[in-house]
């Protein structure tokens, strides 16, 4: 899958088929996570792989009863090691750089999961103490992100996204360009073509549903 397509087509999946995920695919996802950039290349994170059904159920409960999580073929829990960053960068390393690094790990794994034909969802709402207890996480580490991964059992429509000019400023806050499409040139053209493809796919889904 092309990088651009992978980024633009990825969706947050919350309904999975109750089937196992091939280990070679899980391995690629883990390798993608470990390839993520970290502050100072400290690599101050760990990833816990959860396959046991009882643990999946407990984690789903710890995620404030998000029971759909237990249907995932595998659950990956990204844990931070903030003390390592604190020793090098002080409080900013502990409270910011560590979180940024774990976020980069998560995004890499989300994209690789999609590339492998799998679905996932970034879960950040959970009872940290319950997750730590269930997975025997040492006190120096903190679970940051939970990624349920499996084969999607739902068709997701493209979500509404703001236009590029709503996010991008030039040279200063509120610095805008009058015609973003002209400025972006060919890049903007490719983006529009991808959007059109998405609209065509949406219309096909609507026809199937109505038929």
C-alpha atoms as a PDB file:
ATOM      1  CA  UNK A   1       0.000   0.000   0.000  1.00  0.00           C
ATOM      2  CA  UNK A   2       1.286   3.469  -0.887  1.00  0.00           C
ATOM      3  CA  UNK A   3       2.152   5.649   2.096  1.00  0.00           C
ATOM      4  CA  UNK A   4      -0.265   8.416   1.139  1.00  0.00           C
ATOM      5  CA  UNK A   5      -3.145   5.984   0.672  1.00  0.00           C
ATOM      6  CA  UNK A   6      -2.373   4.292   3.998  1.00  0.00           C
ATOM      7  CA  UNK A   7      -2.424   7.576   5.902  1.00  0.00           C
ATOM      8  CA  UNK A   8      -5.596   8.920   4.288  1.00  0.00           C
ATOM      9  CA  UNK A   9      -7.583   5.666   4.292  1.00  0.00           C
ATOM     10  CA  UNK A  10      -6.908   4.542   7.872  1.00  0.00           C
ATOM     11  CA  UNK A  11      -9.952   4.533  10.159  1.00  0.00           C
ATOM     12  CA  UNK A  12     -10.598   3.883  13.852  1.00  0.00           C
ATOM     13  CA  UNK A  13     -12.184   0.425  14.050  1.00  0.00           C
ATOM     14  CA  UNK A  14     -14.368  -0.521  17.019  1.00  0.00           C
ATOM     15  CA  UNK A  15     -15.947  -3.724  15.759  1.00  0.00           C
ATOM     16  CA  UNK A  16     -13.841  -6.800  15.092  1.00  0.00           C
ATOM     17  CA  UNK A  17     -14.364 -10.295  13.729  1.00  0.00           C
ATOM     18  CA  UNK A  18     -13.630 -12.915  16.369  1.00  0.00           C
ATOM     19  CA  UNK A  19     -10.663 -14.387  14.526  1.00  0.00           C
ATOM     20  CA  UNK A  20      -6.982 -14.629  15.372  1.00  0.00           C
ATOM     21  CA  UNK A  21      -4.423 -12.283  13.835  1.00  0.00           C
ATOM     22  CA  UNK A  22      -1.493 -13.975  12.103  1.00  0.00           C
ATOM     23  CA  UNK A  23       1.682 -13.627  14.137  1.00  0.00           C
ATOM     24  CA  UNK A  24       3.754 -12.462  11.164  1.00  0.00           C
ATOM     25  CA  UNK A  25       1.414  -9.462  10.864  1.00  0.00           C
ATOM     26  CA  UNK A  26       1.669  -8.755  14.578  1.00  0.00           C
ATOM     27  CA  UNK A  27       5.440  -8.935  14.226  1.00  0.00           C
ATOM     28  CA  UNK A  28       5.458  -6.325  11.461  1.00  0.00           C
ATOM     29  CA  UNK A  29       3.276  -4.043  13.559  1.00  0.00           C
ATOM     30  CA  UNK A  30       5.633  -4.396  16.526  1.00  0.00           C
ATOM     31  CA  UNK A  31       8.666  -3.719  14.333  1.00  0.00           C
ATOM     32  CA  UNK A  32       6.976  -0.577  13.000  1.00  0.00           C
ATOM     33  CA  UNK A  33       6.401   0.619  16.561  1.00  0.00           C
ATOM     34  CA  UNK A  34       9.992  -0.011  17.564  1.00  0.00           C
ATOM     35  CA  UNK A  35      11.178   1.972  14.529  1.00  0.00           C
ATOM     36  CA  UNK A  36       9.443   5.143  15.756  1.00  0.00           C
ATOM     37  CA  UNK A  37      11.547   8.175  16.731  1.00  0.00           C
ATOM     38  CA  UNK A  38      12.062   8.857  20.440  1.00  0.00           C
ATOM     39  CA  UNK A  39      13.611  11.831  22.224  1.00  0.00           C
ATOM     40  CA  UNK A  40      17.380  11.408  22.311  1.00  0.00           C
ATOM     41  CA  UNK A  41      16.855   7.915  20.879  1.00  0.00           C
ATOM     42  CA  UNK A  42      16.205   6.815  24.469  1.00  0.00           C
ATOM     43  CA  UNK A  43      13.612   4.287  23.286  1.00  0.00           C
ATOM     44  CA  UNK A  44      12.016   4.557  26.717  1.00  0.00           C
ATOM     45  CA  UNK A  45       8.927   2.477  26.065  1.00  0.00           C
ATOM     46  CA  UNK A  46       7.757  -1.109  26.252  1.00  0.00           C
ATOM     47  CA  UNK A  47       4.938  -2.870  24.389  1.00  0.00           C
ATOM     48  CA  UNK A  48       2.920  -5.591  26.103  1.00  0.00           C
ATOM     49  CA  UNK A  49       1.204  -8.087  23.781  1.00  0.00           C
ATOM     50  CA  UNK A  50      -2.082  -9.432  25.162  1.00  0.00           C
ATOM     51  CA  UNK A  51      -3.580 -12.592  23.652  1.00  0.00           C
ATOM     52  CA  UNK A  52      -5.327 -14.336  26.558  1.00  0.00           C
ATOM     53  CA  UNK A  53      -9.104 -13.949  26.556  1.00  0.00           C
ATOM     54  CA  UNK A  54      -9.352 -13.339  30.304  1.00  0.00           C
ATOM     55  CA  UNK A  55      -6.824 -10.524  30.110  1.00  0.00           C
ATOM     56  CA  UNK A  56      -8.641  -9.006  27.137  1.00  0.00           C
ATOM     57  CA  UNK A  57     -11.877  -8.991  29.131  1.00  0.00           C
ATOM     58  CA  UNK A  58     -10.202  -7.352  32.108  1.00  0.00           C
ATOM     59  CA  UNK A  59      -8.574  -4.694  29.937  1.00  0.00           C
ATOM     60  CA  UNK A  60     -11.906  -3.951  28.244  1.00  0.00           C
ATOM     61  CA  UNK A  61     -13.434  -3.456  31.684  1.00  0.00           C
ATOM     62  CA  UNK A  62     -10.521  -1.241  32.717  1.00  0.00           C
ATOM     63  CA  UNK A  63     -11.195   0.883  29.621  1.00  0.00           C
ATOM     64  CA  UNK A  64     -14.449   1.966  31.270  1.00  0.00           C
ATOM     65  CA  UNK A  65     -16.486  -0.957  29.926  1.00  0.00           C
ATOM     66  CA  UNK A  66     -15.545  -0.534  26.278  1.00  0.00           C
ATOM     67  CA  UNK A  67     -16.462  -4.165  25.688  1.00  0.00           C
ATOM     68  CA  UNK A  68     -15.753  -4.122  21.958  1.00  0.00           C
ATOM     69  CA  UNK A  69     -12.042  -4.143  22.829  1.00  0.00           C
ATOM     70  CA  UNK A  70     -12.153  -7.779  23.962  1.00  0.00           C
ATOM     71  CA  UNK A  71     -13.127  -8.922  20.450  1.00  0.00           C
ATOM     72  CA  UNK A  72      -9.788  -7.811  18.986  1.00  0.00           C
ATOM     73  CA  UNK A  73      -7.423 -10.578  17.928  1.00  0.00           C
ATOM     74  CA  UNK A  74      -4.600  -8.987  19.896  1.00  0.00           C
ATOM     75  CA  UNK A  75      -4.243  -6.012  22.218  1.00  0.00           C
ATOM     76  CA  UNK A  76      -1.032  -3.996  22.351  1.00  0.00           C
ATOM     77  CA  UNK A  77      -0.385  -1.862  25.420  1.00  0.00           C
ATOM     78  CA  UNK A  78       2.259   0.849  25.011  1.00  0.00           C
ATOM     79  CA  UNK A  79       3.988   1.707  28.270  1.00  0.00           C
ATOM     80  CA  UNK A  80       6.225   4.687  28.994  1.00  0.00           C
ATOM     81  CA  UNK A  81       9.395   4.761  31.082  1.00  0.00           C
ATOM     82  CA  UNK A  82       9.374   8.434  32.105  1.00  0.00           C
ATOM     83  CA  UNK A  83      12.299   8.269  34.556  1.00  0.00           C
ATOM     84  CA  UNK A  84      14.725   7.577  31.710  1.00  0.00           C
ATOM     85  CA  UNK A  85      13.693  10.800  29.977  1.00  0.00           C
ATOM     86  CA  UNK A  86      13.681  12.733  33.240  1.00  0.00           C
ATOM     87  CA  UNK A  87      17.344  11.868  33.863  1.00  0.00           C
ATOM     88  CA  UNK A  88      18.296  13.394  30.514  1.00  0.00           C
ATOM     89  CA  UNK A  89      15.766  16.187  30.027  1.00  0.00           C
ATOM     90  CA  UNK A  90      14.255  16.944  33.415  1.00  0.00           C
ATOM     91  CA  UNK A  91      10.564  17.521  33.963  1.00  0.00           C
ATOM     92  CA  UNK A  92       9.930  18.280  30.279  1.00  0.00           C
ATOM     93  CA  UNK A  93      11.393  14.935  29.313  1.00  0.00           C
ATOM     94  CA  UNK A  94       9.273  13.150  31.908  1.00  0.00           C
ATOM     95  CA  UNK A  95       5.955  14.836  31.137  1.00  0.00           C
ATOM     96  CA  UNK A  96       6.216  15.687  27.445  1.00  0.00           C
ATOM     97  CA  UNK A  97       8.965  13.915  25.500  1.00  0.00           C
ATOM     98  CA  UNK A  98       7.981  10.527  26.898  1.00  0.00           C
ATOM     99  CA  UNK A  99       4.359  10.983  25.844  1.00  0.00           C
ATOM    100  CA  UNK A 100       5.410  12.229  22.408  1.00  0.00           C
ATOM    101  CA  UNK A 101       7.592   9.167  21.909  1.00  0.00           C
ATOM    102  CA  UNK A 102       4.787   6.773  22.836  1.00  0.00           C
ATOM    103  CA  UNK A 103       2.450   8.636  20.488  1.00  0.00           C
ATOM    104  CA  UNK A 104       4.926   8.137  17.624  1.00  0.00           C
ATOM    105  CA  UNK A 105       5.089   4.417  18.452  1.00  0.00           C
ATOM    106  CA  UNK A 106       1.294   4.181  18.389  1.00  0.00           C
ATOM    107  CA  UNK A 107       0.879   5.974  15.077  1.00  0.00           C
ATOM    108  CA  UNK A 108       3.494   3.783  13.413  1.00  0.00           C
ATOM    109  CA  UNK A 109       1.651   0.685  14.586  1.00  0.00           C
ATOM    110  CA  UNK A 110      -1.764   2.012  13.536  1.00  0.00           C
ATOM    111  CA  UNK A 111      -0.490   2.629  10.017  1.00  0.00           C
ATOM    112  CA  UNK A 112       1.244  -0.734   9.751  1.00  0.00           C
ATOM    113  CA  UNK A 113      -1.903  -2.474  10.988  1.00  0.00           C
ATOM    114  CA  UNK A 114      -3.893  -0.786   8.230  1.00  0.00           C
ATOM    115  CA  UNK A 115      -1.216  -1.692   5.690  1.00  0.00           C
ATOM    116  CA  UNK A 116      -1.594  -5.337   6.749  1.00  0.00           C
ATOM    117  CA  UNK A 117      -5.344  -5.285   6.160  1.00  0.00           C
ATOM    118  CA  UNK A 118      -6.156  -4.963   9.851  1.00  0.00           C
ATOM    119  CA  UNK A 119      -8.136  -2.463  11.874  1.00  0.00           C
ATOM    120  CA  UNK A 120      -7.268  -0.739  15.131  1.00  0.00           C
ATOM    121  CA  UNK A 121      -8.236   2.134  17.384  1.00  0.00           C
ATOM    122  CA  UNK A 122      -6.240   4.435  19.657  1.00  0.00           C
ATOM    123  CA  UNK A 123      -7.629   3.990  23.180  1.00  0.00           C
ATOM    124  CA  UNK A 124      -6.476   6.432  25.839  1.00  0.00           C
ATOM    125  CA  UNK A 125      -9.399   6.238  28.263  1.00  0.00           C
ATOM    126  CA  UNK A 126      -8.692   3.616  30.909  1.00  0.00           C
ATOM    127  CA  UNK A 127      -8.129   3.074  34.606  1.00  0.00           C
ATOM    128  CA  UNK A 128      -4.350   3.145  34.773  1.00  0.00           C
ATOM    129  CA  UNK A 129      -4.098   1.333  38.111  1.00  0.00           C
ATOM    130  CA  UNK A 130      -6.278  -1.549  36.908  1.00  0.00           C
ATOM    131  CA  UNK A 131      -4.254  -1.963  33.724  1.00  0.00           C
ATOM    132  CA  UNK A 132      -0.987  -1.871  35.676  1.00  0.00           C
ATOM    133  CA  UNK A 133      -2.263  -4.488  38.100  1.00  0.00           C
ATOM    134  CA  UNK A 134      -3.580  -6.843  35.412  1.00  0.00           C
ATOM    135  CA  UNK A 135      -0.362  -6.718  33.396  1.00  0.00           C
ATOM    136  CA  UNK A 136       2.068  -6.600  36.345  1.00  0.00           C
ATOM    137  CA  UNK A 137       3.534  -3.311  35.107  1.00  0.00           C
ATOM    138  CA  UNK A 138       6.372  -2.084  37.312  1.00  0.00           C
ATOM    139  CA  UNK A 139       5.811   1.111  39.282  1.00  0.00           C
ATOM    140  CA  UNK A 140       8.422   3.036  37.241  1.00  0.00           C
ATOM    141  CA  UNK A 141       6.399   2.503  34.039  1.00  0.00           C
ATOM    142  CA  UNK A 142       3.025   3.913  32.979  1.00  0.00           C
ATOM    143  CA  UNK A 143       0.586   2.525  30.397  1.00  0.00           C
ATOM    144  CA  UNK A 144      -0.063   5.280  27.863  1.00  0.00           C
ATOM    145  CA  UNK A 145      -1.996   3.871  24.926  1.00  0.00           C
ATOM    146  CA  UNK A 146      -3.972   0.692  24.255  1.00  0.00           C
ATOM    147  CA  UNK A 147      -4.306  -0.577  20.682  1.00  0.00           C
ATOM    148  CA  UNK A 148      -6.848  -3.354  20.030  1.00  0.00           C
ATOM    149  CA  UNK A 149      -5.977  -4.884  16.652  1.00  0.00           C
ATOM    150  CA  UNK A 150      -7.944  -7.294  14.499  1.00  0.00           C
ATOM    151  CA  UNK A 151      -9.938  -7.821  11.335  1.00  0.00           C
ATOM    152  CA  UNK A 152     -12.587  -5.148  10.952  1.00  0.00           C
ATOM    153  CA  UNK A 153     -16.233  -6.197  10.995  1.00  0.00           C
ATOM    154  CA  UNK A 154     -17.632  -2.819   9.978  1.00  0.00           C
ATOM    155  CA  UNK A 155     -17.615  -0.523   6.968  1.00  0.00           C
ATOM    156  CA  UNK A 156     -16.581   2.961   7.985  1.00  0.00           C
ATOM    157  CA  UNK A 157     -17.447   6.076   6.056  1.00  0.00           C
ATOM    158  CA  UNK A 158     -14.819   8.820   5.659  1.00  0.00           C
ATOM    159  CA  UNK A 159     -15.067  11.212   8.625  1.00  0.00           C
ATOM    160  CA  UNK A 160     -15.525  14.920   8.148  1.00  0.00           C
ATOM    161  CA  UNK A 161     -12.206  16.737   8.115  1.00  0.00           C
ATOM    162  CA  UNK A 162     -11.535  20.456   8.139  1.00  0.00           C
ATOM    163  CA  UNK A 163      -9.748  21.963   5.165  1.00  0.00           C
ATOM    164  CA  UNK A 164      -5.986  22.385   5.118  1.00  0.00           C
ATOM    165  CA  UNK A 165      -6.240  26.141   5.611  1.00  0.00           C
ATOM    166  CA  UNK A 166      -7.967  25.537   8.959  1.00  0.00           C
ATOM    167  CA  UNK A 167      -4.829  23.883  10.310  1.00  0.00           C
ATOM    168  CA  UNK A 168      -1.884  25.531   8.567  1.00  0.00           C
ATOM    169  CA  UNK A 169      -0.440  28.973   9.250  1.00  0.00           C
ATOM    170  CA  UNK A 170       2.602  30.542   7.584  1.00  0.00           C
ATOM    171  CA  UNK A 171       5.326  32.494   9.348  1.00  0.00           C
ATOM    172  CA  UNK A 172       3.094  33.350  12.357  1.00  0.00           C
ATOM    173  CA  UNK A 173      -0.139  32.470  14.165  1.00  0.00           C
ATOM    174  CA  UNK A 174      -3.065  33.455  11.905  1.00  0.00           C
ATOM    175  CA  UNK A 175      -0.654  33.782   8.963  1.00  0.00           C
ATOM    176  CA  UNK A 176      -2.751  32.680   6.019  1.00  0.00           C
ATOM    177  CA  UNK A 177      -2.493  32.330   2.242  1.00  0.00           C
ATOM    178  CA  UNK A 178      -5.456  33.517   0.218  1.00  0.00           C
ATOM    179  CA  UNK A 179      -5.636  30.564  -2.194  1.00  0.00           C
ATOM    180  CA  UNK A 180      -4.314  27.397  -0.589  1.00  0.00           C
ATOM    181  CA  UNK A 181      -5.202  25.240  -3.622  1.00  0.00           C
ATOM    182  CA  UNK A 182      -3.024  27.342  -5.923  1.00  0.00           C
ATOM    183  CA  UNK A 183      -0.188  27.364  -3.402  1.00  0.00           C
ATOM    184  CA  UNK A 184      -0.292  23.584  -2.948  1.00  0.00           C
ATOM    185  CA  UNK A 185      -0.313  22.989  -6.694  1.00  0.00           C
ATOM    186  CA  UNK A 186       0.043  19.345  -7.696  1.00  0.00           C
ATOM    187  CA  UNK A 187       0.015  18.124  -4.111  1.00  0.00           C
ATOM    188  CA  UNK A 188      -3.385  19.679  -3.587  1.00  0.00           C
ATOM    189  CA  UNK A 189      -4.527  18.085  -6.831  1.00  0.00           C
ATOM    190  CA  UNK A 190      -3.531  14.614  -5.644  1.00  0.00           C
ATOM    191  CA  UNK A 191      -5.322  15.196  -2.376  1.00  0.00           C
ATOM    192  CA  UNK A 192      -8.490  16.231  -4.191  1.00  0.00           C
ATOM    193  CA  UNK A 193      -8.322  13.122  -6.394  1.00  0.00           C
ATOM    194  CA  UNK A 194      -8.105  10.927  -3.293  1.00  0.00           C
ATOM    195  CA  UNK A 195     -11.101  12.709  -1.827  1.00  0.00           C
ATOM    196  CA  UNK A 196     -13.042  12.100  -5.043  1.00  0.00           C
ATOM    197  CA  UNK A 197     -12.158   8.404  -4.887  1.00  0.00           C
ATOM    198  CA  UNK A 198     -13.418   8.349  -1.312  1.00  0.00           C
ATOM    199  CA  UNK A 199     -16.687   9.960  -2.381  1.00  0.00           C
ATOM    200  CA  UNK A 200     -17.108   7.382  -5.157  1.00  0.00           C
ATOM    201  CA  UNK A 201     -16.528   4.553  -2.680  1.00  0.00           C
ATOM    202  CA  UNK A 202     -19.060   6.141  -0.315  1.00  0.00           C
ATOM    203  CA  UNK A 203     -21.684   6.283  -3.051  1.00  0.00           C
ATOM    204  CA  UNK A 204     -21.131   2.592  -3.828  1.00  0.00           C
ATOM    205  CA  UNK A 205     -21.639   1.702  -0.171  1.00  0.00           C
ATOM    206  CA  UNK A 206     -24.818   3.798  -0.021  1.00  0.00           C
ATOM    207  CA  UNK A 207     -26.188   2.020  -3.123  1.00  0.00           C
ATOM    208  CA  UNK A 208     -25.493  -1.407  -1.611  1.00  0.00           C
ATOM    209  CA  UNK A 209     -27.227  -0.418   1.621  1.00  0.00           C
ATOM    210  CA  UNK A 210     -30.262   1.030  -0.150  1.00  0.00           C
ATOM    211  CA  UNK A 211     -30.396  -1.943  -2.572  1.00  0.00           C
END
